[in-house]
N, C-alpha and C. Protein backbone atom coordinates (compact mmCIF):
# COMPACT_ATOMS: atom_id res chain seq x y z
N MET A 1 -3.56 5.43 10.65
CA MET A 1 -4.43 6.75 10.64
C MET A 1 -4.49 7.77 9.74
N THR A 2 -5.40 7.60 8.72
CA THR A 2 -5.66 8.62 8.19
C THR A 2 -6.51 10.23 8.84
N ASN A 3 -7.03 10.92 8.21
CA ASN A 3 -7.78 12.14 7.77
C ASN A 3 -9.28 11.16 7.73
N CYS A 4 -9.50 10.29 6.70
CA CYS A 4 -10.80 9.56 6.67
C CYS A 4 -11.15 9.07 6.98
N GLY A 5 -10.13 8.21 8.69
CA GLY A 5 -10.44 7.36 9.49
C GLY A 5 -8.94 6.44 9.50
N ARG A 6 -9.13 5.58 10.78
CA ARG A 6 -8.09 4.11 11.00
C ARG A 6 -8.41 3.03 10.30
N PHE A 7 -7.83 2.91 9.84
CA PHE A 7 -7.51 1.32 9.10
C PHE A 7 -6.44 0.13 9.65
N THR A 8 -6.69 -0.98 9.44
CA THR A 8 -5.43 -1.77 10.11
C THR A 8 -5.07 -2.71 9.13
N ILE A 9 -3.91 -2.82 9.59
CA ILE A 9 -3.27 -4.05 8.24
C ILE A 9 -1.92 -5.30 9.38
N ARG A 10 -2.40 -6.59 8.82
CA ARG A 10 -2.21 -7.43 9.76
C ARG A 10 -0.65 -7.88 8.58
N LEU A 11 0.44 -7.85 8.51
CA LEU A 11 1.39 -8.67 7.55
C LEU A 11 1.69 -9.56 7.63
N ASP A 12 2.27 -10.24 6.94
CA ASP A 12 2.38 -11.20 6.10
C ASP A 12 4.10 -11.58 5.77
N VAL A 13 4.45 -11.80 7.02
CA VAL A 13 5.59 -12.35 7.41
C VAL A 13 5.72 -12.98 6.28
N ARG A 14 5.15 -14.40 6.34
CA ARG A 14 6.10 -15.51 6.07
C ARG A 14 6.04 -15.38 4.86
N HIS A 15 4.95 -14.81 3.69
CA HIS A 15 5.13 -14.22 2.30
C HIS A 15 6.28 -13.20 2.13
N SER A 16 6.85 -12.59 2.67
CA SER A 16 7.56 -11.54 2.28
C SER A 16 8.09 -10.88 3.98
N PRO A 17 8.98 -11.55 4.40
CA PRO A 17 9.85 -11.44 5.71
C PRO A 17 10.67 -10.03 5.73
N ARG A 18 11.51 -9.38 4.34
CA ARG A 18 12.24 -8.34 4.07
C ARG A 18 11.27 -7.32 3.95
N THR A 19 9.93 -7.40 3.18
CA THR A 19 8.98 -6.71 3.04
C THR A 19 8.49 -6.11 3.91
N THR A 20 8.30 -6.79 5.03
CA THR A 20 7.32 -6.74 6.14
C THR A 20 8.08 -6.03 7.13
N ALA A 21 9.71 -6.39 7.44
CA ALA A 21 10.60 -5.85 8.12
C ALA A 21 10.52 -4.62 7.90
N SER A 22 10.96 -4.30 6.27
CA SER A 22 11.32 -2.77 6.42
C SER A 22 9.87 -2.12 6.00
N PHE A 23 8.55 -2.06 5.22
CA PHE A 23 7.27 -1.52 6.60
C PHE A 23 7.56 -1.04 7.49
N PHE A 24 7.92 -2.03 8.41
CA PHE A 24 7.64 -2.35 10.31
C PHE A 24 8.29 -1.08 10.76
N ALA A 25 9.89 -1.40 9.93
CA ALA A 25 11.20 -0.48 10.53
C ALA A 25 10.32 0.96 10.08
N LEU A 26 10.15 1.18 8.63
CA LEU A 26 9.88 2.68 8.07
C LEU A 26 8.52 3.36 9.06
N ALA A 27 7.35 2.44 9.06
CA ALA A 27 6.59 3.29 10.02
C ALA A 27 7.16 2.79 11.30
N ARG A 28 7.57 2.25 12.44
CA ARG A 28 8.18 2.97 13.38
C ARG A 28 9.24 4.35 13.47
N ARG A 29 10.02 4.30 12.48
CA ARG A 29 10.47 5.84 12.51
C ARG A 29 9.20 6.66 12.33
N GLY A 30 8.94 6.74 11.55
CA GLY A 30 7.30 7.68 11.37
C GLY A 30 7.65 8.30 9.78
N PHE A 31 8.06 6.94 9.17
CA PHE A 31 8.48 7.88 7.88
C PHE A 31 7.35 7.82 7.31
N PHE A 32 5.69 7.40 6.99
CA PHE A 32 4.63 7.32 6.54
C PHE A 32 3.22 8.96 6.70
N ASN A 33 3.95 9.13 8.44
CA ASN A 33 3.42 10.66 8.44
C ASN A 33 3.45 11.80 8.21
N ARG A 34 2.15 12.08 7.92
CA ARG A 34 1.48 13.23 7.35
C ARG A 34 2.25 12.97 5.22
N THR A 35 2.26 11.72 4.97
CA THR A 35 2.00 11.69 3.94
C THR A 35 0.46 11.07 3.41
N VAL A 36 0.80 11.06 2.06
CA VAL A 36 -0.76 11.18 1.51
C VAL A 36 -1.37 9.83 0.27
N PHE A 37 -2.41 9.89 0.35
CA PHE A 37 -2.89 8.35 -1.14
C PHE A 37 -2.23 9.38 -2.56
N HIS A 38 -1.21 9.18 -3.12
CA HIS A 38 -1.41 9.69 -4.04
C HIS A 38 -2.04 10.05 -5.53
N ARG A 39 -2.41 8.23 -5.56
CA ARG A 39 -2.60 7.42 -6.35
C ARG A 39 -4.04 7.27 -6.14
N ILE A 40 -5.51 7.24 -6.55
CA ILE A 40 -6.71 6.93 -6.31
C ILE A 40 -7.47 6.24 -7.51
N VAL A 41 -7.66 5.09 -7.57
CA VAL A 41 -8.22 4.74 -8.50
C VAL A 41 -9.22 4.14 -8.00
N PRO A 42 -10.73 4.35 -8.50
CA PRO A 42 -11.83 4.24 -7.79
C PRO A 42 -12.03 2.10 -8.55
N GLY A 43 -12.28 1.58 -7.39
CA GLY A 43 -12.72 0.15 -7.80
C GLY A 43 -11.50 -0.85 -8.59
N PHE A 44 -10.01 -0.55 -7.60
CA PHE A 44 -8.81 -1.34 -8.25
C PHE A 44 -7.87 -0.90 -7.25
N VAL A 45 -7.37 0.18 -6.61
CA VAL A 45 -6.60 -0.02 -5.85
C VAL A 45 -6.45 1.93 -5.11
N ILE A 46 -5.84 2.14 -3.51
CA ILE A 46 -5.35 3.26 -3.40
C ILE A 46 -3.93 3.07 -2.85
N GLN A 47 -3.07 4.22 -3.18
CA GLN A 47 -1.79 4.27 -3.17
C GLN A 47 -0.81 4.91 -2.49
N GLY A 48 -0.20 4.53 -1.86
CA GLY A 48 0.30 5.99 -0.94
C GLY A 48 1.61 5.46 -0.76
N GLY A 49 2.54 5.88 0.40
CA GLY A 49 4.06 5.41 0.82
C GLY A 49 5.12 6.11 0.33
N ASP A 50 4.72 7.44 -0.69
CA ASP A 50 5.70 7.97 -1.50
C ASP A 50 5.97 9.64 -0.50
N PRO A 51 7.13 9.48 -0.11
CA PRO A 51 7.22 11.24 1.04
C PRO A 51 7.15 11.95 0.09
N THR A 52 7.40 12.10 -1.04
CA THR A 52 7.42 13.02 -2.08
C THR A 52 6.03 13.27 -2.78
N GLY A 53 4.90 12.57 -2.36
CA GLY A 53 3.58 12.56 -2.73
C GLY A 53 3.41 12.13 -3.87
N THR A 54 4.64 12.09 -5.07
CA THR A 54 4.47 12.48 -6.33
C THR A 54 4.58 11.26 -7.56
N GLY A 55 4.13 9.88 -6.46
CA GLY A 55 4.67 8.92 -7.32
C GLY A 55 6.18 8.12 -7.69
N THR A 56 7.26 9.02 -7.51
CA THR A 56 8.02 8.45 -7.63
C THR A 56 9.45 8.78 -6.49
N GLY A 57 8.84 8.68 -5.14
CA GLY A 57 9.76 9.06 -3.92
C GLY A 57 10.04 7.11 -3.31
N GLY A 58 10.76 7.12 -2.46
CA GLY A 58 11.40 6.19 -1.42
C GLY A 58 12.04 6.07 -0.33
N PRO A 59 12.17 5.61 0.04
CA PRO A 59 13.23 5.19 1.11
C PRO A 59 14.29 5.03 0.79
N GLY A 60 15.36 4.96 -0.52
CA GLY A 60 16.54 4.88 -0.92
C GLY A 60 17.11 3.72 -0.86
N TYR A 61 16.17 2.86 -1.07
CA TYR A 61 16.48 1.26 -0.89
C TYR A 61 15.41 0.27 -1.11
N SER A 62 16.26 -0.49 -1.56
CA SER A 62 14.48 -1.15 -1.95
C SER A 62 14.76 -3.24 -1.49
N THR A 63 14.05 -3.47 -1.37
CA THR A 63 14.05 -5.16 -0.66
C THR A 63 13.51 -6.00 -1.54
N VAL A 64 13.80 -7.52 -2.10
CA VAL A 64 12.96 -8.11 -2.79
C VAL A 64 12.14 -9.69 -2.20
N ASP A 65 10.81 -9.48 -2.18
CA ASP A 65 10.20 -10.79 -1.96
C ASP A 65 9.70 -11.41 -2.92
N ARG A 66 10.15 -12.35 -3.58
CA ARG A 66 9.60 -12.52 -4.72
C ARG A 66 7.90 -13.21 -4.47
N PRO A 67 6.85 -12.78 -5.10
CA PRO A 67 5.74 -13.61 -4.58
C PRO A 67 5.33 -15.06 -4.87
N PRO A 68 4.66 -15.79 -4.14
CA PRO A 68 4.07 -17.31 -5.30
C PRO A 68 3.62 -16.92 -6.31
N ALA A 69 4.21 -18.05 -7.23
CA ALA A 69 3.33 -17.82 -8.81
C ALA A 69 1.53 -17.51 -8.59
N ASN A 70 1.32 -18.67 -7.47
CA ASN A 70 0.02 -18.46 -7.13
C ASN A 70 -0.34 -17.49 -6.43
N ALA A 71 -0.01 -16.02 -5.97
CA ALA A 71 -0.37 -15.05 -5.41
C ALA A 71 -1.77 -14.18 -6.24
N ARG A 72 -2.68 -13.83 -5.08
CA ARG A 72 -4.12 -13.01 -5.60
C ARG A 72 -4.35 -12.12 -5.25
N TYR A 73 -4.40 -10.67 -5.62
CA TYR A 73 -4.70 -9.30 -5.12
C TYR A 73 -6.22 -9.55 -5.06
N THR A 74 -6.22 -9.53 -4.30
CA THR A 74 -8.00 -9.40 -3.65
C THR A 74 -8.10 -8.78 -3.64
N LYS A 75 -9.96 -8.44 -2.89
CA LYS A 75 -9.62 -6.87 -2.13
C LYS A 75 -9.53 -6.79 -1.01
N TYR A 76 -8.64 -5.86 -0.48
CA TYR A 76 -8.13 -5.44 0.59
C TYR A 76 -6.46 -5.80 1.20
N THR A 77 -6.17 -6.68 0.37
CA THR A 77 -4.85 -7.21 -0.02
C THR A 77 -4.58 -5.95 -0.07
N VAL A 78 -2.84 -5.97 0.81
CA VAL A 78 -1.93 -4.78 0.59
C VAL A 78 -0.73 -5.33 -0.19
N ALA A 79 -0.31 -4.58 -0.65
CA ALA A 79 1.22 -4.81 -1.97
C ALA A 79 2.11 -3.74 -1.36
N MET A 80 2.97 -4.57 -2.38
CA MET A 80 4.03 -2.92 -2.91
C MET A 80 3.80 -2.82 -3.80
N ALA A 81 4.30 -1.32 -4.65
CA ALA A 81 4.34 -0.84 -5.45
C ALA A 81 5.48 -1.01 -6.30
N LYS A 82 5.17 -0.72 -7.27
CA LYS A 82 6.82 -1.10 -7.65
C LYS A 82 7.05 -0.71 -9.12
N THR A 83 7.44 -0.77 -10.35
CA THR A 83 7.77 0.22 -11.64
C THR A 83 8.14 -1.22 -12.46
N GLN A 84 8.00 -0.78 -13.39
CA GLN A 84 7.84 -1.82 -14.63
C GLN A 84 8.97 -2.67 -15.40
N THR A 85 10.03 -2.10 -14.55
CA THR A 85 11.53 -2.34 -14.71
C THR A 85 11.82 -3.66 -13.24
N GLU A 86 11.14 -2.83 -12.47
CA GLU A 86 12.08 -3.82 -11.47
C GLU A 86 11.45 -5.03 -11.40
N ALA A 87 12.35 -6.10 -11.21
CA ALA A 87 11.59 -7.69 -10.50
C ALA A 87 10.94 -7.36 -9.47
N PRO A 88 10.00 -8.62 -10.45
CA PRO A 88 8.76 -9.07 -9.42
C PRO A 88 9.27 -8.81 -8.34
N GLY A 89 8.82 -8.38 -7.39
CA GLY A 89 8.70 -8.62 -5.27
C GLY A 89 9.53 -7.29 -5.19
N THR A 90 10.11 -6.51 -6.10
CA THR A 90 10.63 -5.45 -5.06
C THR A 90 9.96 -4.70 -4.90
N SER A 91 10.07 -3.92 -3.74
CA SER A 91 9.74 -2.79 -3.53
C SER A 91 10.32 -2.13 -2.20
N GLY A 92 9.92 -0.19 -1.84
CA GLY A 92 10.61 0.47 -1.31
C GLY A 92 9.76 0.81 -0.32
N SER A 93 8.86 2.09 -0.17
CA SER A 93 7.67 2.38 0.67
C SER A 93 6.48 2.88 0.25
N GLN A 94 6.22 2.16 -1.52
CA GLN A 94 5.39 2.93 -1.63
C GLN A 94 5.01 1.13 -1.73
N PHE A 95 2.78 1.45 -1.35
CA PHE A 95 2.39 0.43 -1.18
C PHE A 95 1.00 0.84 -1.82
N PHE A 96 0.59 -0.42 -1.76
CA PHE A 96 -1.46 -0.29 -2.41
C PHE A 96 -2.19 -1.17 -2.04
N VAL A 97 -3.35 -1.03 -1.45
CA VAL A 97 -4.53 -1.71 -0.98
C VAL A 97 -5.41 -1.70 -2.44
N VAL A 98 -5.48 -3.35 -2.74
CA VAL A 98 -6.48 -3.29 -3.52
C VAL A 98 -8.09 -3.47 -3.53
N THR A 99 -8.66 -2.03 -3.78
CA THR A 99 -10.37 -2.44 -3.45
C THR A 99 -11.22 -2.28 -4.53
N GLY A 100 -10.66 -2.80 -5.58
CA GLY A 100 -11.76 -3.55 -6.54
C GLY A 100 -11.96 -5.09 -6.21
N SER A 101 -13.53 -5.33 -6.48
CA SER A 101 -13.83 -7.06 -6.36
C SER A 101 -13.17 -8.19 -7.19
N ASN A 102 -12.73 -7.04 -8.73
CA ASN A 102 -12.14 -8.36 -9.55
C ASN A 102 -10.87 -7.71 -10.13
N VAL A 103 -9.87 -7.42 -9.78
CA VAL A 103 -9.27 -6.81 -9.70
C VAL A 103 -7.88 -7.84 -10.22
N ARG A 104 -7.27 -7.83 -11.69
CA ARG A 104 -6.46 -9.14 -12.46
C ARG A 104 -5.37 -8.22 -12.55
N LEU A 105 -4.17 -9.00 -11.53
CA LEU A 105 -3.04 -8.17 -11.13
C LEU A 105 -1.56 -9.54 -11.43
N PRO A 106 -0.83 -9.21 -12.09
CA PRO A 106 -0.28 -10.66 -12.49
C PRO A 106 0.80 -10.72 -10.69
N PRO A 107 0.93 -12.11 -11.00
CA PRO A 107 2.40 -12.16 -8.99
C PRO A 107 3.27 -11.08 -9.34
N ASP A 108 3.57 -10.28 -9.45
CA ASP A 108 4.52 -9.54 -9.57
C ASP A 108 4.84 -8.15 -7.88
N TYR A 109 4.02 -8.01 -7.36
CA TYR A 109 3.90 -7.41 -6.47
C TYR A 109 4.21 -8.15 -4.93
N ALA A 110 5.06 -7.79 -4.11
CA ALA A 110 5.61 -8.20 -2.84
C ALA A 110 3.70 -8.03 -2.51
N LEU A 111 3.71 -8.93 -1.33
CA LEU A 111 2.59 -9.16 -0.35
C LEU A 111 3.12 -8.21 0.76
N LEU A 112 2.62 -7.46 0.99
CA LEU A 112 2.60 -7.31 2.56
C LEU A 112 1.30 -7.61 3.54
N GLY A 113 -0.19 -7.48 3.43
CA GLY A 113 -0.60 -7.98 4.03
C GLY A 113 -2.21 -8.08 3.65
N THR A 114 -3.20 -7.67 4.87
CA THR A 114 -4.85 -7.10 4.17
C THR A 114 -4.88 -6.79 5.54
N VAL A 115 -5.84 -5.91 5.00
CA VAL A 115 -6.84 -5.07 6.04
C VAL A 115 -7.59 -5.53 6.79
N TYR A 116 -7.39 -6.04 7.91
CA TYR A 116 -8.67 -6.00 8.67
C TYR A 116 -9.38 -5.86 9.73
N VAL A 117 -9.18 -4.46 9.88
CA VAL A 117 -10.38 -3.44 10.23
C VAL A 117 -10.09 -2.05 9.73
N GLY A 118 -11.16 -1.59 9.49
CA GLY A 118 -11.51 -0.43 8.71
C GLY A 118 -11.50 -0.72 7.36
N ARG A 119 -12.09 -1.12 6.93
CA ARG A 119 -12.08 -2.23 5.74
C ARG A 119 -13.33 -0.55 5.29
N ARG A 120 -14.02 -0.12 5.84
CA ARG A 120 -15.26 0.62 5.23
C ARG A 120 -14.34 1.96 5.26
N VAL A 121 -13.27 2.52 5.42
CA VAL A 121 -12.40 3.67 5.44
C VAL A 121 -11.57 3.36 4.47
N VAL A 122 -11.35 1.88 3.98
CA VAL A 122 -10.46 2.02 2.74
C VAL A 122 -11.55 2.15 1.12
N ASP A 123 -12.84 1.13 1.86
CA ASP A 123 -13.95 1.41 1.50
C ASP A 123 -14.07 3.51 0.74
N LEU A 124 -13.96 3.68 1.83
CA LEU A 124 -14.83 5.37 1.88
C LEU A 124 -13.01 6.32 1.03
N ILE A 125 -12.29 5.82 1.39
CA ILE A 125 -10.70 6.11 0.14
C ILE A 125 -11.26 5.50 -0.96
N GLY A 126 -11.50 5.06 -1.42
CA GLY A 126 -11.13 3.83 -2.71
C GLY A 126 -12.11 5.10 -3.46
N THR A 127 -12.89 5.60 -3.04
CA THR A 127 -14.12 6.72 -3.57
C THR A 127 -13.41 7.87 -4.42
N LEU A 128 -12.88 7.85 -3.55
CA LEU A 128 -12.22 10.16 -3.56
C LEU A 128 -10.40 9.88 -5.00
N GLY A 129 -11.33 8.99 -5.91
CA GLY A 129 -10.11 9.61 -6.59
C GLY A 129 -10.63 9.54 -8.53
N ASP A 130 -10.38 10.24 -9.43
CA ASP A 130 -10.40 11.00 -10.58
C ASP A 130 -10.09 9.35 -11.57
N PRO A 131 -10.95 8.69 -11.84
CA PRO A 131 -10.79 7.03 -12.75
C PRO A 131 -9.73 7.97 -14.30
N SER A 132 -10.07 8.68 -14.76
CA SER A 132 -9.24 9.45 -15.84
C SER A 132 -8.20 9.74 -14.93
N THR A 133 -7.83 10.06 -13.86
CA THR A 133 -6.54 10.58 -14.22
C THR A 133 -5.67 10.09 -12.86
N GLN A 134 -6.53 9.18 -12.05
CA GLN A 134 -5.54 8.09 -11.32
C GLN A 134 -5.59 8.96 -10.03
N LEU A 135 -5.72 10.66 -9.55
CA LEU A 135 -5.19 11.63 -8.56
C LEU A 135 -6.30 11.21 -7.61
N PRO A 136 -6.14 11.99 -6.61
CA PRO A 136 -7.42 11.68 -5.53
C PRO A 136 -7.80 13.08 -5.98
N THR A 137 -9.32 13.22 -5.29
CA THR A 137 -10.14 14.54 -5.81
C THR A 137 -10.41 15.21 -4.37
N ARG A 138 -9.50 15.23 -3.18
CA ARG A 138 -9.83 15.51 -2.48
C ARG A 138 -8.60 14.43 -1.44
N VAL A 139 -7.66 16.07 -0.66
CA VAL A 139 -5.76 14.97 -0.10
C VAL A 139 -6.22 14.02 1.15
N VAL A 140 -6.03 13.07 0.97
CA VAL A 140 -6.31 11.73 2.18
C VAL A 140 -4.62 11.23 3.03
N GLU A 141 -4.71 11.91 3.74
CA GLU A 141 -3.24 12.40 4.45
C GLU A 141 -3.26 10.79 4.89
N ILE A 142 -2.24 10.05 5.84
CA ILE A 142 -1.49 9.40 6.12
C ILE A 142 -1.06 10.08 7.57
N GLU A 143 -2.23 10.73 8.54
CA GLU A 143 -1.82 11.30 9.84
C GLU A 143 -0.72 10.68 11.07
N ARG A 144 -0.42 9.47 10.75
CA ARG A 144 0.31 8.89 11.87
C ARG A 144 0.04 7.16 11.49
N THR A 145 1.12 6.66 11.39
CA THR A 145 1.08 5.17 11.41
C THR A 145 1.32 4.82 12.71
N LEU A 146 0.74 3.37 13.48
CA LEU A 146 1.16 2.67 15.29
C LEU A 146 1.74 1.49 13.97
N VAL A 147 2.57 1.39 15.33
CA VAL A 147 2.76 -0.49 15.26
C VAL A 147 2.91 -1.08 16.58
N ARG A 148 2.75 -1.94 16.21
CA ARG A 148 3.07 -3.01 17.64
C ARG A 148 2.98 -4.58 16.75
N ILE A 149 3.42 -5.08 17.64
CA ILE A 149 3.56 -6.63 17.59
C ILE A 149 3.12 -7.40 18.30
N THR A 150 2.30 -8.23 17.66
CA THR A 150 1.52 -8.74 18.68
C THR A 150 1.50 -10.32 18.90
């Protein structure tokens, strides 16, 4: 749940078992609560999951689930952010949601899942960034994460 509304992610356990297990455990213990989307690039991605809000923080560990060679990051795909120097599929806690229709990313980012409820909320958040700085134009906070197994 964000201060802009709620959206729900269906986790991709099949392609990323370690990544989804880590994300689930972090969400369950409230790791993402009161964090912000620190990077918002209209027509590209919204990025959050950093406890410092700077784009440099994480949980203090990483997991690796190398994405399939044919991985596509289509609109509403949720994947894990990583640095340029980290191996493909490396993830900590930072994640991004693709908001653009024609995003071309290499298959380097662990697949977390797909937004399947609340896509309008994601679209709204995706408009709240400055394309030149990639910074939010207003604070978008993850107020609370809820997890459940279905």
